[in-house]
Amino acid sequence: MSNNKKRSVNNVLSFYEAIQAGHKPEQYSYQYDEIPNGEYNVFLDFMVKARRLDAIELYCRVQQTGQKFRISYFKDKEQKFDIDYNQVAAISFGSLFSIQVEPNGRDKPTLHRITVLRNGTSTQTELEI
């Protein structure tokens, strides 16, 4: 009897796995005032499962400037939106995507939308969050 379930791709690393793979999380800012607001294109360098939150930490590089920062992709407490963990977890490192970042009620940068522009193929997928 074979198992015909399709396994979902998961590219999310633990912090230890990221370090072992040669990634340098310390080069990515997590200071709120250093994460630009608005809509812009970023490369996904790698992603890590957050330690204390039900979130994925996206380690990104702005296409136009090379600025590096980390932003969380998570389900908010008010349940206003849901994430599809499998879709985000399957994004390949090096992918190019457009993101929309806006301040939340506490003036912290919050990810509102991801549109994958290039994920190993030329497909374009929009993830509303």
N, C-alpha and C. Protein backbone atom coordinates (compact mmCIF):
# COMPACT_ATOMS: atom_id res chain seq x y z
N MET A 1 0.84 -1.17 0.00
CA MET A 1 0.00 0.00 0.00
C MET A 1 0.89 1.24 0.00
N SER A 2 0.74 2.09 -0.99
CA SER A 2 1.59 3.26 -1.09
C SER A 2 0.87 4.50 -0.59
N ASN A 3 1.64 5.44 -0.12
CA ASN A 3 1.11 6.70 0.35
C ASN A 3 1.18 7.70 -0.79
N ASN A 4 0.03 8.11 -1.32
CA ASN A 4 -0.01 9.00 -2.47
C ASN A 4 -0.11 10.47 -2.08
N LYS A 5 0.01 10.80 -0.81
CA LYS A 5 -0.06 12.19 -0.38
C LYS A 5 1.15 12.94 -0.91
N LYS A 6 0.87 14.12 -1.46
CA LYS A 6 1.94 14.97 -1.96
C LYS A 6 2.55 15.72 -0.77
N ARG A 7 3.85 15.61 -0.62
CA ARG A 7 4.53 16.29 0.48
C ARG A 7 4.78 17.73 0.10
N SER A 8 4.50 18.64 1.00
CA SER A 8 4.75 20.05 0.71
C SER A 8 6.23 20.37 0.96
N VAL A 9 6.71 21.30 0.19
CA VAL A 9 8.10 21.74 0.31
C VAL A 9 8.19 22.68 1.51
N ASN A 10 9.24 22.53 2.31
CA ASN A 10 9.46 23.40 3.44
C ASN A 10 10.92 23.84 3.44
N ASN A 11 11.14 25.11 3.09
CA ASN A 11 12.50 25.67 3.04
C ASN A 11 12.86 26.44 4.30
N VAL A 12 12.00 26.41 5.31
CA VAL A 12 12.25 27.14 6.55
C VAL A 12 13.29 26.39 7.37
N LEU A 13 14.33 27.11 7.79
CA LEU A 13 15.41 26.52 8.56
C LEU A 13 15.24 26.83 10.04
N SER A 14 15.86 26.04 10.87
CA SER A 14 16.02 26.44 12.27
C SER A 14 17.17 27.44 12.28
N PHE A 15 17.28 28.20 13.36
CA PHE A 15 18.38 29.17 13.44
C PHE A 15 19.72 28.45 13.33
N TYR A 16 19.85 27.33 13.99
CA TYR A 16 21.09 26.55 13.95
C TYR A 16 21.39 26.07 12.53
N GLU A 17 20.37 25.57 11.83
CA GLU A 17 20.57 25.12 10.44
C GLU A 17 21.03 26.26 9.54
N ALA A 18 20.48 27.46 9.76
CA ALA A 18 20.87 28.62 8.97
C ALA A 18 22.35 28.95 9.18
N ILE A 19 22.78 28.93 10.43
CA ILE A 19 24.20 29.20 10.74
C ILE A 19 25.08 28.13 10.11
N GLN A 20 24.69 26.88 10.27
CA GLN A 20 25.46 25.76 9.70
C GLN A 20 25.56 25.85 8.18
N ALA A 21 24.53 26.40 7.53
CA ALA A 21 24.52 26.53 6.07
C ALA A 21 25.32 27.75 5.59
N GLY A 22 25.86 28.52 6.53
CA GLY A 22 26.70 29.66 6.16
C GLY A 22 25.98 31.00 6.09
N HIS A 23 24.69 31.02 6.44
CA HIS A 23 23.96 32.29 6.46
C HIS A 23 24.42 33.13 7.65
N LYS A 24 24.32 34.44 7.51
CA LYS A 24 24.79 35.36 8.55
C LYS A 24 23.64 36.28 9.00
N PRO A 25 22.78 35.77 9.90
CA PRO A 25 21.62 36.55 10.35
C PRO A 25 21.99 37.89 10.97
N GLU A 26 23.17 38.00 11.55
CA GLU A 26 23.58 39.24 12.20
C GLU A 26 23.75 40.40 11.21
N GLN A 27 23.81 40.11 9.92
CA GLN A 27 23.95 41.15 8.91
C GLN A 27 22.60 41.77 8.53
N TYR A 28 21.51 41.25 9.07
CA TYR A 28 20.17 41.70 8.72
C TYR A 28 19.55 42.47 9.88
N SER A 29 19.17 43.71 9.61
CA SER A 29 18.59 44.56 10.65
C SER A 29 17.21 44.06 11.06
N TYR A 30 16.91 44.18 12.33
CA TYR A 30 15.57 43.89 12.82
C TYR A 30 15.01 45.13 13.52
N GLN A 31 15.73 46.25 13.42
CA GLN A 31 15.27 47.50 14.01
C GLN A 31 14.10 48.04 13.18
N TYR A 32 13.00 48.36 13.86
CA TYR A 32 11.78 48.78 13.17
C TYR A 32 12.01 49.97 12.25
N ASP A 33 12.80 50.94 12.70
CA ASP A 33 12.99 52.15 11.90
C ASP A 33 13.90 51.93 10.69
N GLU A 34 14.50 50.75 10.58
CA GLU A 34 15.36 50.45 9.43
C GLU A 34 14.67 49.57 8.39
N ILE A 35 13.42 49.22 8.63
CA ILE A 35 12.64 48.43 7.67
C ILE A 35 11.75 49.41 6.91
N PRO A 36 11.99 49.56 5.60
CA PRO A 36 11.22 50.56 4.85
C PRO A 36 9.73 50.21 4.74
N ASN A 37 8.88 51.23 4.82
CA ASN A 37 7.45 51.07 4.56
C ASN A 37 7.20 51.24 3.08
N GLY A 38 6.06 50.73 2.62
CA GLY A 38 5.69 50.87 1.22
C GLY A 38 5.78 49.56 0.48
N GLU A 39 5.76 49.66 -0.85
CA GLU A 39 5.85 48.48 -1.70
C GLU A 39 7.16 48.51 -2.46
N TYR A 40 7.89 47.41 -2.43
CA TYR A 40 9.19 47.33 -3.10
C TYR A 40 9.56 45.86 -3.31
N ASN A 41 10.59 45.65 -4.13
CA ASN A 41 11.03 44.29 -4.45
C ASN A 41 12.18 43.88 -3.55
N VAL A 42 12.14 42.63 -3.12
CA VAL A 42 13.21 42.07 -2.29
C VAL A 42 13.58 40.68 -2.79
N PHE A 43 14.81 40.29 -2.49
CA PHE A 43 15.25 38.91 -2.68
C PHE A 43 15.14 38.22 -1.33
N LEU A 44 14.68 36.99 -1.33
CA LEU A 44 14.67 36.19 -0.11
C LEU A 44 16.00 35.47 -0.02
N ASP A 45 16.83 35.86 0.95
CA ASP A 45 18.13 35.21 1.11
C ASP A 45 17.99 33.89 1.86
N PHE A 46 17.15 33.86 2.91
CA PHE A 46 16.85 32.63 3.64
C PHE A 46 15.72 32.94 4.61
N MET A 47 15.18 31.90 5.24
CA MET A 47 14.13 32.09 6.24
C MET A 47 14.31 31.11 7.38
N VAL A 48 13.88 31.56 8.55
CA VAL A 48 14.09 30.81 9.79
C VAL A 48 12.77 30.78 10.56
N LYS A 49 12.49 29.65 11.19
CA LYS A 49 11.32 29.53 12.07
C LYS A 49 11.59 30.38 13.31
N ALA A 50 10.66 31.28 13.62
CA ALA A 50 10.82 32.13 14.80
C ALA A 50 10.84 31.28 16.06
N ARG A 51 11.61 31.70 17.03
CA ARG A 51 11.75 30.93 18.27
C ARG A 51 10.56 31.06 19.20
N ARG A 52 10.05 32.26 19.39
CA ARG A 52 9.02 32.49 20.39
C ARG A 52 7.63 32.73 19.82
N LEU A 53 7.53 32.92 18.51
CA LEU A 53 6.25 33.21 17.88
C LEU A 53 5.92 32.15 16.86
N ASP A 54 4.65 32.07 16.52
CA ASP A 54 4.25 31.20 15.42
C ASP A 54 4.46 32.00 14.14
N ALA A 55 5.71 32.10 13.72
CA ALA A 55 6.07 32.98 12.60
C ALA A 55 7.26 32.42 11.84
N ILE A 56 7.40 32.97 10.64
CA ILE A 56 8.58 32.69 9.82
C ILE A 56 9.32 34.01 9.69
N GLU A 57 10.59 34.02 10.01
CA GLU A 57 11.43 35.21 9.85
C GLU A 57 12.01 35.19 8.45
N LEU A 58 11.65 36.20 7.64
CA LEU A 58 12.15 36.31 6.27
C LEU A 58 13.37 37.23 6.28
N TYR A 59 14.49 36.73 5.83
CA TYR A 59 15.72 37.51 5.74
C TYR A 59 15.84 37.98 4.30
N CYS A 60 15.61 39.28 4.10
CA CYS A 60 15.44 39.85 2.77
C CYS A 60 16.52 40.87 2.44
N ARG A 61 16.67 41.11 1.13
CA ARG A 61 17.59 42.12 0.61
C ARG A 61 16.83 42.93 -0.43
N VAL A 62 16.76 44.25 -0.23
CA VAL A 62 16.04 45.12 -1.16
C VAL A 62 16.75 45.12 -2.51
N GLN A 63 16.00 44.86 -3.57
CA GLN A 63 16.57 44.74 -4.91
C GLN A 63 17.30 46.02 -5.33
N GLN A 64 16.71 47.17 -5.09
CA GLN A 64 17.27 48.43 -5.58
C GLN A 64 18.48 48.91 -4.80
N THR A 65 18.54 48.61 -3.49
CA THR A 65 19.60 49.18 -2.64
C THR A 65 20.54 48.16 -2.01
N GLY A 66 20.11 46.92 -1.93
CA GLY A 66 20.91 45.91 -1.25
C GLY A 66 20.73 45.91 0.26
N GLN A 67 19.89 46.81 0.79
CA GLN A 67 19.65 46.87 2.23
C GLN A 67 19.11 45.53 2.72
N LYS A 68 19.66 45.05 3.84
CA LYS A 68 19.25 43.76 4.41
C LYS A 68 18.45 43.98 5.68
N PHE A 69 17.34 43.24 5.79
CA PHE A 69 16.54 43.30 7.00
C PHE A 69 15.79 42.00 7.18
N ARG A 70 15.24 41.85 8.37
CA ARG A 70 14.43 40.68 8.73
C ARG A 70 13.03 41.15 9.05
N ILE A 71 12.04 40.44 8.52
CA ILE A 71 10.65 40.78 8.83
C ILE A 71 9.88 39.49 9.08
N SER A 72 8.95 39.53 10.01
CA SER A 72 8.18 38.34 10.39
C SER A 72 6.95 38.19 9.52
N TYR A 73 6.66 36.96 9.19
CA TYR A 73 5.44 36.60 8.48
C TYR A 73 4.66 35.71 9.43
N PHE A 74 3.54 36.21 9.98
CA PHE A 74 2.84 35.47 11.02
C PHE A 74 1.35 35.74 11.00
N LYS A 75 0.64 34.98 11.79
CA LYS A 75 -0.80 35.16 11.98
C LYS A 75 -0.98 36.13 13.14
N ASP A 76 -1.74 37.21 12.91
CA ASP A 76 -1.85 38.20 13.97
C ASP A 76 -2.85 37.77 15.04
N LYS A 77 -2.77 38.40 16.19
CA LYS A 77 -3.60 38.02 17.34
C LYS A 77 -5.09 38.26 17.10
N GLU A 78 -5.43 39.25 16.29
CA GLU A 78 -6.83 39.57 16.03
C GLU A 78 -7.45 38.65 14.99
N GLN A 79 -6.66 37.74 14.41
CA GLN A 79 -7.16 36.79 13.41
C GLN A 79 -7.72 37.51 12.18
N LYS A 80 -7.18 38.68 11.83
CA LYS A 80 -7.67 39.43 10.68
C LYS A 80 -7.29 38.75 9.37
N PHE A 81 -6.19 38.05 9.38
CA PHE A 81 -5.79 37.34 8.18
C PHE A 81 -5.11 36.05 8.57
N ASP A 82 -5.06 35.16 7.64
CA ASP A 82 -4.45 33.86 7.86
C ASP A 82 -3.26 33.73 6.92
N ILE A 83 -2.25 33.04 7.34
CA ILE A 83 -1.16 32.75 6.42
C ILE A 83 -1.30 31.32 5.98
N ASP A 84 -0.85 31.06 4.78
CA ASP A 84 -0.73 29.69 4.34
C ASP A 84 0.74 29.34 4.51
N TYR A 85 1.05 28.76 5.62
CA TYR A 85 2.44 28.43 5.97
C TYR A 85 3.11 27.65 4.84
N ASN A 86 2.39 26.71 4.25
CA ASN A 86 2.99 25.88 3.20
C ASN A 86 3.41 26.69 1.98
N GLN A 87 2.62 27.70 1.61
CA GLN A 87 3.00 28.54 0.47
C GLN A 87 4.26 29.35 0.77
N VAL A 88 4.32 29.95 1.93
CA VAL A 88 5.49 30.75 2.28
C VAL A 88 6.70 29.85 2.48
N ALA A 89 6.52 28.74 3.16
CA ALA A 89 7.63 27.82 3.43
C ALA A 89 8.22 27.24 2.16
N ALA A 90 7.45 27.22 1.08
CA ALA A 90 7.93 26.64 -0.17
C ALA A 90 8.68 27.63 -1.06
N ILE A 91 8.70 28.91 -0.69
CA ILE A 91 9.43 29.89 -1.50
C ILE A 91 10.92 29.56 -1.44
N SER A 92 11.53 29.51 -2.59
CA SER A 92 12.96 29.16 -2.68
C SER A 92 13.84 30.35 -2.30
N PHE A 93 14.96 30.05 -1.68
CA PHE A 93 15.94 31.09 -1.39
C PHE A 93 16.41 31.68 -2.71
N GLY A 94 16.63 32.99 -2.73
CA GLY A 94 17.03 33.66 -3.95
C GLY A 94 15.84 34.16 -4.77
N SER A 95 14.63 33.82 -4.33
CA SER A 95 13.44 34.26 -5.04
C SER A 95 13.32 35.78 -4.96
N LEU A 96 12.73 36.34 -5.99
CA LEU A 96 12.45 37.77 -6.03
C LEU A 96 10.96 37.95 -5.81
N PHE A 97 10.61 38.81 -4.86
CA PHE A 97 9.20 39.10 -4.68
C PHE A 97 8.97 40.55 -4.30
N SER A 98 7.75 40.98 -4.56
CA SER A 98 7.32 42.32 -4.20
C SER A 98 6.62 42.19 -2.85
N ILE A 99 6.94 43.10 -1.93
CA ILE A 99 6.26 43.07 -0.64
C ILE A 99 5.66 44.44 -0.35
N GLN A 100 4.62 44.42 0.44
CA GLN A 100 4.02 45.66 0.93
C GLN A 100 4.15 45.64 2.44
N VAL A 101 4.82 46.65 2.98
CA VAL A 101 5.04 46.76 4.42
C VAL A 101 4.42 48.07 4.89
N GLU A 102 3.60 47.99 5.92
CA GLU A 102 2.94 49.17 6.50
C GLU A 102 3.02 49.08 8.01
N PRO A 103 3.05 50.22 8.70
CA PRO A 103 3.07 50.18 10.17
C PRO A 103 1.73 49.69 10.72
N ASN A 104 1.80 48.90 11.80
CA ASN A 104 0.58 48.46 12.46
C ASN A 104 0.17 49.51 13.49
N GLY A 105 -0.80 49.20 14.34
CA GLY A 105 -1.29 50.13 15.35
C GLY A 105 -0.25 50.55 16.36
N ARG A 106 0.80 49.78 16.50
CA ARG A 106 1.88 50.11 17.44
C ARG A 106 3.10 50.66 16.71
N ASP A 107 2.91 51.05 15.46
CA ASP A 107 3.95 51.66 14.62
C ASP A 107 5.09 50.70 14.27
N LYS A 108 4.81 49.40 14.33
CA LYS A 108 5.80 48.40 13.94
C LYS A 108 5.55 47.99 12.50
N PRO A 109 6.62 47.81 11.71
CA PRO A 109 6.42 47.40 10.32
C PRO A 109 5.77 46.03 10.24
N THR A 110 4.73 45.94 9.40
CA THR A 110 3.96 44.71 9.27
C THR A 110 3.84 44.35 7.80
N LEU A 111 4.07 43.10 7.51
CA LEU A 111 3.97 42.59 6.16
C LEU A 111 2.50 42.42 5.79
N HIS A 112 2.06 43.08 4.71
CA HIS A 112 0.66 43.01 4.30
C HIS A 112 0.45 42.17 3.05
N ARG A 113 1.46 42.07 2.20
CA ARG A 113 1.29 41.33 0.96
C ARG A 113 2.64 40.88 0.43
N ILE A 114 2.64 39.69 -0.14
CA ILE A 114 3.81 39.17 -0.86
C ILE A 114 3.34 38.74 -2.24
N THR A 115 4.03 39.19 -3.27
CA THR A 115 3.78 38.70 -4.62
C THR A 115 5.09 38.11 -5.11
N VAL A 116 5.11 36.80 -5.30
CA VAL A 116 6.32 36.14 -5.78
C VAL A 116 6.47 36.45 -7.26
N LEU A 117 7.57 37.10 -7.63
CA LEU A 117 7.81 37.47 -9.02
C LEU A 117 8.64 36.40 -9.73
N ARG A 118 9.58 35.82 -9.00
CA ARG A 118 10.43 34.77 -9.58
C ARG A 118 10.82 33.80 -8.48
N ASN A 119 10.34 32.57 -8.57
CA ASN A 119 10.60 31.54 -7.57
C ASN A 119 11.15 30.30 -8.28
N GLY A 120 12.26 30.46 -8.95
CA GLY A 120 12.84 29.35 -9.68
C GLY A 120 12.20 29.16 -11.04
N THR A 121 10.95 29.59 -11.19
CA THR A 121 10.26 29.57 -12.48
C THR A 121 9.75 30.98 -12.72
N SER A 122 9.09 31.19 -13.82
CA SER A 122 8.58 32.53 -14.12
C SER A 122 7.17 32.73 -13.62
N THR A 123 6.70 31.89 -12.72
CA THR A 123 5.34 32.03 -12.24
C THR A 123 5.22 33.21 -11.29
N GLN A 124 4.06 33.82 -11.27
CA GLN A 124 3.78 34.93 -10.36
C GLN A 124 2.62 34.53 -9.48
N THR A 125 2.82 34.56 -8.17
CA THR A 125 1.80 34.17 -7.22
C THR A 125 1.65 35.26 -6.19
N GLU A 126 0.41 35.66 -5.91
CA GLU A 126 0.17 36.67 -4.89
C GLU A 126 -0.36 36.00 -3.63
N LEU A 127 0.24 36.33 -2.52
CA LEU A 127 -0.19 35.81 -1.22
C LEU A 127 -0.71 36.98 -0.41
N GLU A 128 -2.01 37.02 -0.20
CA GLU A 128 -2.59 38.08 0.63
C GLU A 128 -2.49 37.65 2.09
N ILE A 129 -2.01 38.55 2.93
CA ILE A 129 -1.89 38.21 4.34
C ILE A 129 -2.54 39.27 5.20
